[in-house]
């Protein structure tokens, strides 16, 4: 039913031909190529990656992460972001590290069981008892030679060793099939260990070899499919991506079989949810180029906490009915129309307005045409009621944003309106407090200031440093690094999108 790209297949092997019975540790293969083989240098590299990566301030119970496995110069910060979302005090019995083979193919999986995994940082102990239990299932009896020259698992090991002072035992698994029935059987065999006292690390890069902008779009659609938690949505997204005939796109996700295994394990469990952490592609690295890139996403699978409302943020305090949302968009669109066609400001009768829209709140109105920004102006706070702020900011966005010419009549029917209702500003002392996608930032120094809304960072797939840099340079006029000597504030927003009929 699905004709999906499976780039790892180079040969079909049999268990008998490559059986490995001799007890031996799995020695480093990727060291010196994907990352430094020198212990001191590697430790310094990891320290820098973890200190500069995007971090979440949420105290999540993390059940699984999806982490990239490319050279650290390209994907290291994203991998560090994936591990950093795990609370430092988290305790796990075992860490299952699962990747899809880049070197061979067989209809099942290989679990390393005759020795331990070695990196320049030392040895990680394999839980051989679990490995042997898995090998009683014929799906897991394939040879350990699948691990010897496979980098996808090994590249996760130094992150694990650096982040966990006393790493738990590991269960290294290579999947070498694209058979959906077999993948589902692998997930079922792993299910007894898919519990809150074990961590699953899924090793995978995302798009391979499209141009920079194409990679951003493909990687977002693939990540969104994973976030949905639905295996069928994920598979259909991979299929649609393949059918778009994007130049040089070899795969949307090289470890899609490992990602699918995790989705089968989740099985739409309402108590679990996926969270995007960070994204970049190799074109964002000083060592990369933008002609042919590889994409990297950090994604976490967490347990929902019904007592924790912090994830809901402002949405738990501010909400609008469908009628109120329609009323705000009616005001915004009618306000622009009246100014455009009559050169008059819209007067709104307060008696027709819902009490919830009469609260004094800040808001930004954003105009887009075909996905491109066409105007955005707003206020953080206001002594005016929300409906009136929307009225005024709609006009300002259409006709007063100095980055654009005033909106024309020809453009009016093409605009899509977005309203961001803002929460209070909070000054921060450390940029680690910024959560991409949740927080907007406001940077201020002397008489210069500028802001970007929460959705701008995720919409452009920016790293934290890019979010700060672009806001500092393009909005506050302080230069790319100006934020380092400025006051930084964060705020949350309830983002409302216009539904056109």
Protein backbone atom coordinates (compact mmCIF):
# COMPACT_ATOMS: atom_id res chain seq x y z
CA UNK A 1 0.00 0.00 0.00
CA UNK A 2 2.85 2.32 0.77
CA UNK A 3 5.80 2.82 -1.56
CA UNK A 4 8.15 4.63 0.79
CA UNK A 5 11.80 5.46 0.26
CA UNK A 6 14.03 3.20 2.34
CA UNK A 7 17.54 4.49 1.70
CA UNK A 8 19.34 2.20 4.10
CA UNK A 9 19.05 -0.95 2.01
CA UNK A 10 22.31 -1.98 0.36
CA UNK A 11 22.13 -5.74 0.58
CA UNK A 12 19.95 -8.54 1.88
CA UNK A 13 21.70 -10.69 4.43
CA UNK A 14 20.81 -13.78 6.35
CA UNK A 15 21.35 -14.55 9.98
CA UNK A 16 23.41 -17.65 9.24
CA UNK A 17 25.82 -15.85 6.94
CA UNK A 18 26.64 -13.15 9.45
CA UNK A 19 26.10 -14.84 12.80
CA UNK A 20 28.14 -13.38 15.65
CA UNK A 21 28.56 -15.55 18.69
CA UNK A 22 31.87 -14.37 20.12
CA UNK A 23 31.54 -12.09 23.17
CA UNK A 24 32.90 -8.64 22.31
CA UNK A 25 32.29 -4.99 23.12
CA UNK A 26 31.12 -2.84 20.30
CA UNK A 27 34.06 -0.47 19.65
CA UNK A 28 33.63 3.11 18.32
CA UNK A 29 33.20 3.41 14.57
CA UNK A 30 31.91 6.99 14.12
CA UNK A 31 34.49 8.57 16.47
CA UNK A 32 36.95 10.72 14.55
CA UNK A 33 34.43 11.15 11.74
CA UNK A 34 31.06 12.24 13.11
CA UNK A 35 32.52 13.46 16.39
CA UNK A 36 35.92 13.79 18.06
CA UNK A 37 37.75 10.61 19.06
CA UNK A 38 39.65 12.53 21.76
CA UNK A 39 37.96 12.35 25.16
CA UNK A 40 38.92 15.86 26.27
CA UNK A 41 37.94 17.47 22.98
CA UNK A 42 34.68 15.54 22.85
CA UNK A 43 33.81 16.61 26.39
CA UNK A 44 34.44 20.26 25.52
CA UNK A 45 32.36 19.92 22.34
CA UNK A 46 29.45 18.43 24.26
CA UNK A 47 29.68 21.13 26.92
CA UNK A 48 29.42 23.82 24.24
CA UNK A 49 26.53 22.07 22.49
CA UNK A 50 24.52 21.73 25.68
CA UNK A 51 25.22 25.30 26.78
CA UNK A 52 24.10 26.78 23.45
CA UNK A 53 21.13 24.56 22.60
CA UNK A 54 17.43 25.38 22.92
CA UNK A 55 16.09 24.24 26.27
CA UNK A 56 12.64 23.89 27.74
CA UNK A 57 11.87 25.14 31.25
CA UNK A 58 9.05 22.64 31.68
CA UNK A 59 9.43 19.81 34.19
CA UNK A 60 8.22 17.08 31.90
CA UNK A 61 8.06 13.36 32.49
CA UNK A 62 9.82 12.33 29.28
CA UNK A 63 9.09 8.90 27.87
CA UNK A 64 10.95 9.21 24.56
CA UNK A 65 12.96 11.62 22.45
CA UNK A 66 13.72 11.80 18.74
CA UNK A 67 17.30 12.96 18.25
CA UNK A 68 19.45 13.43 15.10
CA UNK A 69 22.61 11.45 14.42
CA UNK A 70 24.62 13.50 11.90
CA UNK A 71 28.05 14.98 12.51
CA UNK A 72 27.99 17.06 15.67
CA UNK A 73 29.01 20.20 13.77
CA UNK A 74 25.73 19.92 11.87
CA UNK A 75 23.16 18.41 14.25
CA UNK A 76 24.82 18.45 17.67
CA UNK A 77 22.84 21.33 19.13
CA UNK A 78 19.55 19.74 18.11
CA UNK A 79 20.58 16.45 19.71
CA UNK A 80 21.57 18.36 22.86
CA UNK A 81 18.13 20.01 22.84
CA UNK A 82 16.48 16.60 22.68
CA UNK A 83 18.39 15.32 25.71
CA UNK A 84 18.06 18.64 27.57
CA UNK A 85 14.27 18.33 27.73
CA UNK A 86 14.79 15.42 30.16
CA UNK A 87 14.87 16.69 33.76
CA UNK A 88 18.32 16.32 35.33
CA UNK A 89 16.83 14.39 38.24
CA UNK A 90 15.03 11.88 36.00
CA UNK A 91 15.70 8.26 36.90
CA UNK A 92 15.38 5.47 34.35
CA UNK A 93 16.07 1.75 34.65
CA UNK A 94 17.02 1.38 31.00
CA UNK A 95 17.46 3.47 27.88
CA UNK A 96 16.34 1.82 24.65
CA UNK A 97 18.26 3.34 21.73
CA UNK A 98 16.62 2.56 18.41
CA UNK A 99 17.80 3.42 14.91
CA UNK A 100 17.20 2.35 11.33
CA UNK A 101 20.05 0.65 9.50
CA UNK A 102 22.08 2.62 6.97
CA UNK A 103 24.14 -0.38 5.82
CA UNK A 104 22.06 -3.54 5.51
CA UNK A 105 18.54 -4.92 5.28
CA UNK A 106 16.71 -7.89 6.81
CA UNK A 107 13.14 -8.48 7.90
CA UNK A 108 13.49 -7.68 11.56
CA UNK A 109 15.75 -6.06 14.14
CA UNK A 110 19.15 -6.68 15.72
CA UNK A 111 19.71 -6.13 19.44
CA UNK A 112 23.31 -5.97 20.64
CA UNK A 113 23.75 -8.65 23.30
CA UNK A 114 27.28 -10.10 23.43
CA UNK A 115 29.07 -7.09 24.91
CA UNK A 116 28.79 -3.40 25.79
CA UNK A 117 29.01 -0.17 23.75
CA UNK A 118 32.28 1.77 23.96
CA UNK A 119 32.87 5.46 23.15
CA UNK A 120 35.79 7.82 23.89
CA UNK A 121 33.93 8.73 27.10
CA UNK A 122 33.93 5.16 28.35
CA UNK A 123 31.67 2.14 28.34
CA UNK A 124 27.87 1.94 28.35
CA UNK A 125 26.56 -1.29 29.84
CA UNK A 126 24.11 -3.23 27.71
CA UNK A 127 21.25 -4.88 29.57
CA UNK A 128 21.97 -8.35 28.27
CA UNK A 129 19.07 -9.87 30.19
CA UNK A 130 16.56 -7.75 28.24
CA UNK A 131 18.52 -8.38 25.04
CA UNK A 132 18.26 -12.12 25.50
CA UNK A 133 14.54 -11.89 26.25
CA UNK A 134 14.04 -9.97 23.01
CA UNK A 135 16.08 -12.52 21.08
CA UNK A 136 13.61 -15.21 22.04
CA UNK A 137 11.37 -13.48 19.52
CA UNK A 138 12.44 -14.38 15.98
CA UNK A 139 12.08 -10.74 14.92
CA UNK A 140 15.16 -9.88 17.05
CA UNK A 141 17.50 -12.74 16.21
CA UNK A 142 19.30 -10.98 13.37
CA UNK A 143 23.08 -10.61 13.68
CA UNK A 144 25.00 -8.03 15.66
CA UNK A 145 27.11 -7.17 12.61
CA UNK A 146 24.34 -4.67 11.84
CA UNK A 147 25.81 -2.56 14.68
CA UNK A 148 29.51 -2.66 13.82
CA UNK A 149 29.59 0.07 11.14
CA UNK A 150 26.27 1.74 11.98
CA UNK A 151 26.63 5.31 13.27
CA UNK A 152 23.02 6.13 14.16
CA UNK A 153 23.07 4.54 17.61
CA UNK A 154 26.68 5.33 18.42
CA UNK A 155 26.23 9.07 17.81
CA UNK A 156 23.64 9.19 20.61
CA UNK A 157 25.92 7.52 23.16
CA UNK A 158 28.24 10.45 24.04
CA UNK A 159 25.23 12.73 24.59
CA UNK A 160 23.77 10.14 26.91
CA UNK A 161 27.08 9.73 28.78
CA UNK A 162 27.60 13.47 29.15
CA UNK A 163 24.05 14.25 30.26
CA UNK A 164 23.54 11.39 32.74
CA UNK A 165 26.19 11.31 35.52
CA UNK A 166 25.49 7.60 36.02
CA UNK A 167 23.94 6.36 32.78
CA UNK A 168 21.37 3.57 33.03
CA UNK A 169 21.90 0.33 31.17
CA UNK A 170 21.14 0.52 27.47
CA UNK A 171 19.33 -1.68 24.96
CA UNK A 172 20.72 -0.90 21.46
CA UNK A 173 18.39 -1.91 18.61
CA UNK A 174 18.86 -1.63 14.85
CA UNK A 175 15.76 -1.93 12.65
CA UNK A 176 16.53 -3.08 9.10
CA UNK A 177 13.10 -3.61 7.54
CA UNK A 178 10.49 -1.41 5.90
CA UNK A 179 7.78 -4.07 6.23
CA UNK A 180 4.92 -2.43 8.13
CA UNK A 181 3.71 -5.69 9.62
CA UNK A 182 7.19 -6.47 10.91
CA UNK A 183 7.60 -2.97 12.35
CA UNK A 184 4.31 -3.34 14.18
CA UNK A 185 5.49 -6.69 15.52
CA UNK A 186 8.74 -5.06 16.72
CA UNK A 187 6.69 -2.47 18.59
CA UNK A 188 4.56 -5.15 20.22
CA UNK A 189 7.66 -7.05 21.32
CA UNK A 190 9.00 -3.86 22.94
CA UNK A 191 5.71 -2.92 24.60
CA UNK A 192 6.43 -4.62 27.98
CA UNK A 193 9.31 -2.15 28.44
CA UNK A 194 7.47 0.92 27.13
CA UNK A 195 6.85 2.18 30.66
CA UNK A 196 7.55 5.34 32.62
CA UNK A 197 10.72 3.87 34.16
CA UNK A 198 12.41 3.38 30.76
CA UNK A 199 13.48 6.00 28.22
CA UNK A 200 13.28 5.43 24.45
CA UNK A 201 15.72 7.32 22.23
CA UNK A 202 14.78 7.29 18.55
CA UNK A 203 17.78 8.17 16.39
CA UNK A 204 16.88 9.83 13.11
CA UNK A 205 17.65 12.72 10.82
CA UNK A 206 14.85 14.11 8.69
CA UNK A 207 14.89 15.24 5.03
CA UNK A 208 17.91 14.26 2.96
CA UNK A 209 19.40 16.48 0.25
CA UNK A 210 16.68 18.94 -0.85
CA UNK A 211 17.43 22.66 -0.99
CA UNK A 212 17.25 24.68 2.22
CA UNK A 213 13.70 26.05 1.91
CA UNK A 214 12.30 22.75 0.65
CA UNK A 215 13.88 21.01 3.64
CA UNK A 216 12.22 23.41 6.06
CA UNK A 217 8.79 22.69 4.57
CA UNK A 218 9.25 18.92 4.38
CA UNK A 219 10.70 18.68 7.87
CA UNK A 220 7.85 20.70 9.34
CA UNK A 221 5.21 18.51 7.70
CA UNK A 222 6.97 15.34 8.86
CA UNK A 223 7.41 16.64 12.41
CA UNK A 224 3.77 17.76 12.51
CA UNK A 225 2.72 14.26 11.47
CA UNK A 226 4.70 12.80 14.36
CA UNK A 227 3.23 15.37 16.75
CA UNK A 228 -0.23 14.15 15.73
CA UNK A 229 0.63 10.83 17.36
CA UNK A 230 -1.13 8.98 14.55
CA UNK A 231 0.81 6.36 12.60
CA UNK A 232 -1.45 6.56 9.53
CA UNK A 233 -1.07 10.34 9.36
CA UNK A 234 2.69 9.88 9.55
CA UNK A 235 2.78 7.31 6.75
CA UNK A 236 0.49 9.37 4.52
CA UNK A 237 2.66 12.43 5.08
CA UNK A 238 5.76 10.54 4.00
CA UNK A 239 3.89 9.38 0.92
CA UNK A 240 2.69 12.90 0.06
CA UNK A 241 6.19 14.29 0.50
CA UNK A 242 7.55 11.66 -1.88
CA UNK A 243 4.84 12.42 -4.45
CA UNK A 244 5.71 16.13 -4.57
CA UNK A 245 8.81 15.34 -6.65
CA UNK A 246 10.92 17.78 -4.65
CA UNK A 247 14.35 18.00 -6.30
CA UNK A 248 16.98 15.79 -4.62
CA UNK A 249 14.66 14.67 -1.81
CA UNK A 250 15.81 11.12 -1.05
CA UNK A 251 13.72 10.65 2.10
CA UNK A 252 11.64 12.71 4.51
CA UNK A 253 13.12 10.86 7.49
CA UNK A 254 15.95 8.36 7.24
CA UNK A 255 14.84 6.64 10.46
CA UNK A 256 11.16 6.63 9.62
CA UNK A 257 10.87 2.95 10.55
CA UNK A 258 12.17 3.74 14.04
CA UNK A 259 9.80 6.71 14.32
CA UNK A 260 6.94 4.50 13.19
CA UNK A 261 7.86 1.95 15.86
CA UNK A 262 7.48 4.68 18.49
CA UNK A 263 4.11 5.76 17.05
CA UNK A 264 2.90 2.15 17.17
CA UNK A 265 4.00 2.00 20.81
CA UNK A 266 2.16 5.23 21.64
CA UNK A 267 -0.93 3.96 19.84
CA UNK A 268 -2.82 7.25 20.34
CA UNK A 269 -2.54 6.99 24.13
CA UNK A 270 -4.44 10.08 25.38
CA UNK A 271 -2.09 10.34 28.37
CA UNK A 272 0.91 10.92 26.10
CA UNK A 273 1.74 13.79 23.77
CA UNK A 274 4.60 14.83 21.50
CA UNK A 275 6.36 18.17 21.83
CA UNK A 276 8.60 19.92 19.31
CA UNK A 277 11.80 21.16 20.93
CA UNK A 278 14.01 22.60 18.19
CA UNK A 279 14.92 22.36 14.52
CA UNK A 280 17.64 23.25 12.05
CA UNK A 281 19.21 21.74 8.96
CA UNK A 282 22.77 21.37 7.79
CA UNK A 283 22.47 24.61 5.83
CA UNK A 284 22.38 26.46 9.16
CA UNK A 285 25.88 25.23 10.01
CA UNK A 286 28.95 27.28 9.03
CA UNK A 287 30.26 24.01 7.56
CA UNK A 288 27.15 23.40 5.46
CA UNK A 289 25.62 24.77 2.28
CA UNK A 290 22.02 25.45 1.34
CA UNK A 291 21.91 23.57 -1.97
CA UNK A 292 21.63 20.06 -0.56
CA UNK A 293 20.83 19.81 3.13
CA UNK A 294 19.80 17.32 5.79
CA UNK A 295 17.13 18.25 8.34
CA UNK A 296 17.21 17.73 12.10
CA UNK A 297 14.31 17.80 14.58
CA UNK A 298 14.36 17.38 18.34
CA UNK A 299 11.02 15.98 19.53
CA UNK A 300 9.95 14.75 22.96
CA UNK A 301 7.21 12.34 23.99
CA UNK A 302 5.92 13.28 27.43
CA UNK A 303 3.27 12.20 29.89
CA UNK A 304 0.43 14.66 30.29
CA UNK A 305 0.05 15.92 33.83
CA UNK A 306 -3.61 16.78 34.54
CA UNK A 307 -2.52 18.83 37.54
CA UNK A 308 -0.01 20.88 35.59
CA UNK A 309 -1.53 23.91 33.90
CA UNK A 310 1.79 25.54 33.06
CA UNK A 311 1.85 23.88 29.64
CA UNK A 312 -1.42 25.55 28.81
CA UNK A 313 0.14 28.88 29.80
CA UNK A 314 -1.96 31.86 28.96
CA UNK A 315 -4.56 29.68 27.23
CA UNK A 316 -5.67 28.42 30.66
CA UNK A 317 -6.40 32.01 31.72
CA UNK A 318 -7.66 33.55 28.49
CA UNK A 319 -10.07 31.85 26.15
CA UNK A 320 -12.66 32.94 23.65
CA UNK A 321 -15.86 31.43 22.36
CA UNK A 322 -16.36 30.86 18.65
CA UNK A 323 -18.73 33.84 18.57
CA UNK A 324 -16.17 36.09 20.25
CA UNK A 325 -13.44 35.02 17.84
CA UNK A 326 -15.73 35.71 14.88
CA UNK A 327 -16.54 39.10 16.36
CA UNK A 328 -12.86 40.05 16.63
CA UNK A 329 -12.17 39.06 13.02
CA UNK A 330 -15.28 40.86 11.83
CA UNK A 331 -14.03 44.03 13.54
CA UNK A 332 -10.54 43.65 12.08
CA UNK A 333 -11.71 43.03 8.51
CA UNK A 334 -14.48 45.67 8.57
CA UNK A 335 -12.05 48.19 10.02
CA UNK A 336 -9.63 47.70 7.13
CA UNK A 337 -12.46 47.73 4.59
CA UNK A 338 -13.93 51.00 5.88
CA UNK A 339 -10.58 52.76 5.84
CA UNK A 340 -9.73 51.37 2.40
CA UNK A 341 -13.02 52.25 0.71
CA UNK A 342 -14.32 55.21 2.76
CA UNK A 343 -11.16 56.59 4.37
CA UNK A 344 -12.96 56.45 7.73
CA UNK A 345 -12.34 54.61 10.97
CA UNK A 346 -14.81 51.98 12.06
CA UNK A 347 -16.96 52.90 15.06
CA UNK A 348 -17.95 49.87 17.12
CA UNK A 349 -21.07 49.92 19.30
CA UNK A 350 -19.90 48.70 22.76
CA UNK A 351 -23.36 47.32 23.55
CA UNK A 352 -22.89 44.69 20.85
CA UNK A 353 -19.56 43.48 22.25
CA UNK A 354 -19.09 40.49 24.52
CA UNK A 355 -17.87 41.42 28.04
CA UNK A 356 -14.85 39.18 27.51
CA UNK A 357 -13.69 41.40 24.65
CA UNK A 358 -13.97 44.54 26.78
CA UNK A 359 -11.04 43.55 29.00
CA UNK A 360 -7.98 45.76 28.74
CA UNK A 361 -5.48 43.57 26.88
CA UNK A 362 -2.67 44.01 24.38
CA UNK A 363 -2.86 42.49 20.91
CA UNK A 364 -1.06 42.31 17.58
CA UNK A 365 -2.82 42.07 14.24
CA UNK A 366 -0.87 40.29 11.50
CA UNK A 367 -1.75 40.28 7.81
CA UNK A 368 -0.46 37.61 5.43
CA UNK A 369 -0.92 37.05 1.70
CA UNK A 370 -0.12 33.60 0.33
CA UNK A 371 1.89 32.82 3.45
CA UNK A 372 3.98 36.00 3.21
CA UNK A 373 3.89 38.77 5.80
CA UNK A 374 1.99 41.85 4.63
CA UNK A 375 1.82 43.84 7.85
CA UNK A 376 2.04 43.41 11.62
CA UNK A 377 1.56 46.03 14.34
CA UNK A 378 0.31 45.77 17.90
CA UNK A 379 0.48 46.82 21.53
CA UNK A 380 1.79 44.91 24.53
CA UNK A 381 -0.56 46.55 26.98
CA UNK A 382 -3.44 48.92 26.59
CA UNK A 383 -5.90 51.00 28.55
CA UNK A 384 -8.33 50.37 25.71
CA UNK A 385 -10.57 47.28 25.58
CA UNK A 386 -9.38 44.39 23.43
CA UNK A 387 -11.97 44.89 20.69
CA UNK A 388 -10.83 48.50 20.24
CA UNK A 389 -7.16 47.52 20.18
CA UNK A 390 -7.96 45.06 17.37
CA UNK A 391 -9.90 47.79 15.57
CA UNK A 392 -6.95 50.19 15.72
CA UNK A 393 -4.17 47.67 15.08
CA UNK A 394 -5.93 46.24 12.02
CA UNK A 395 -5.79 49.68 10.40
CA UNK A 396 -2.19 50.19 11.50
CA UNK A 397 -1.09 46.83 10.08
CA UNK A 398 -2.78 47.49 6.75
CA UNK A 399 -1.73 51.10 6.23
CA UNK A 400 0.95 52.14 8.71
CA UNK A 401 3.54 49.37 8.74
CA UNK A 402 6.52 51.21 7.23
CA UNK A 403 7.99 48.00 5.85
CA UNK A 404 5.20 47.83 3.26
CA UNK A 405 3.21 50.08 1.00
CA UNK A 406 -0.39 50.69 2.14
CA UNK A 407 -2.72 47.78 1.43
CA UNK A 408 -4.50 48.06 -1.94
CA UNK A 409 -8.05 47.16 -2.86
CA UNK A 410 -6.69 44.40 -5.08
CA UNK A 411 -4.95 42.85 -2.08
CA UNK A 412 -7.83 43.16 0.39
CA UNK A 413 -9.60 39.92 -0.55
CA UNK A 414 -6.28 38.04 -0.46
CA UNK A 415 -5.26 38.86 3.09
CA UNK A 416 -5.44 36.35 5.89
CA UNK A 417 -5.76 37.95 9.31
CA UNK A 418 -4.15 36.65 12.49
CA UNK A 419 -4.81 38.14 15.94
CA UNK A 420 -2.40 37.52 18.82
CA UNK A 421 -3.80 38.41 22.24
CA UNK A 422 -0.89 39.03 24.59
CA UNK A 423 -0.22 38.15 28.18
CA UNK A 424 1.89 40.26 30.54
CA UNK A 425 5.60 40.94 30.00
CA UNK A 426 8.10 39.14 32.24
CA UNK A 427 11.74 40.20 32.41
CA UNK A 428 14.15 37.26 32.30
CA UNK A 429 17.74 36.85 33.45
CA UNK A 430 18.65 33.82 31.34
CA UNK A 431 17.69 33.02 27.77
CA UNK A 432 17.16 29.39 28.81
CA UNK A 433 13.80 30.60 30.13
CA UNK A 434 12.64 31.18 26.55
CA UNK A 435 10.55 28.33 25.14
CA UNK A 436 10.31 28.50 21.35
CA UNK A 437 6.72 28.48 20.14
CA UNK A 438 5.40 29.42 23.58
CA UNK A 439 7.12 32.74 24.27
CA UNK A 440 7.36 35.94 22.28
CA UNK A 441 10.37 38.11 23.09
CA UNK A 442 10.71 41.85 23.61
CA UNK A 443 14.24 43.27 23.54
CA UNK A 444 14.92 46.77 24.88
CA UNK A 445 18.02 48.89 25.31
CA UNK A 446 17.88 52.64 25.95
CA UNK A 447 15.38 54.08 23.47
CA UNK A 448 15.49 51.12 21.08
CA UNK A 449 13.22 48.12 21.32
CA UNK A 450 11.62 45.42 19.23
CA UNK A 451 9.57 42.26 19.48
CA UNK A 452 8.65 39.09 17.64
CA UNK A 453 5.62 36.97 18.38
CA UNK A 454 5.91 33.33 19.55
CA UNK A 455 4.75 31.87 16.25
CA UNK A 456 7.46 33.66 14.26
CA UNK A 457 10.25 31.45 15.63
CA UNK A 458 8.50 28.14 14.96
CA UNK A 459 7.07 29.33 11.65
CA UNK A 460 10.59 30.05 10.39
CA UNK A 461 12.15 27.00 12.10
CA UNK A 462 14.58 29.27 13.94
CA UNK A 463 16.93 28.25 16.68
CA UNK A 464 16.87 30.26 19.91
CA UNK A 465 19.96 32.18 18.78
CA UNK A 466 18.30 33.05 15.47
CA UNK A 467 15.12 34.17 17.24
CA UNK A 468 17.16 36.50 19.45
CA UNK A 469 19.43 37.63 16.63
CA UNK A 470 16.69 38.50 14.16
CA UNK A 471 14.65 40.31 16.81
CA UNK A 472 17.69 42.23 18.00
CA UNK A 473 18.87 43.19 14.53
CA UNK A 474 15.69 43.58 12.50
CA UNK A 475 13.24 44.78 15.15
CA UNK A 476 15.25 46.57 17.84
CA UNK A 477 18.03 47.84 15.58
CA UNK A 478 20.68 46.69 18.03
CA UNK A 479 22.66 44.39 15.73
CA UNK A 480 22.73 40.59 15.69
CA UNK A 481 24.39 40.26 19.11
CA UNK A 482 22.81 43.36 20.64
CA UNK A 483 20.47 41.27 22.77
CA UNK A 484 23.44 40.17 24.88
CA UNK A 485 23.64 43.61 26.48
CA UNK A 486 19.93 44.44 26.46
CA UNK A 487 16.91 43.77 28.66
CA UNK A 488 14.92 40.77 27.47
CA UNK A 489 11.26 40.17 28.27
CA UNK A 490 9.05 37.22 27.43
CA UNK A 491 5.31 36.99 27.02
CA UNK A 492 2.73 34.46 25.90
CA UNK A 493 0.04 34.87 23.30
CA UNK A 494 -3.25 33.31 22.37
CA UNK A 495 -3.02 33.15 18.57
CA UNK A 496 -6.30 33.32 16.66
CA UNK A 497 -6.45 32.53 12.94
CA UNK A 498 -9.15 33.67 10.59
CA UNK A 499 -11.33 30.93 9.11
CA UNK A 500 -12.38 31.87 5.63
CA UNK A 501 -15.46 30.27 4.18
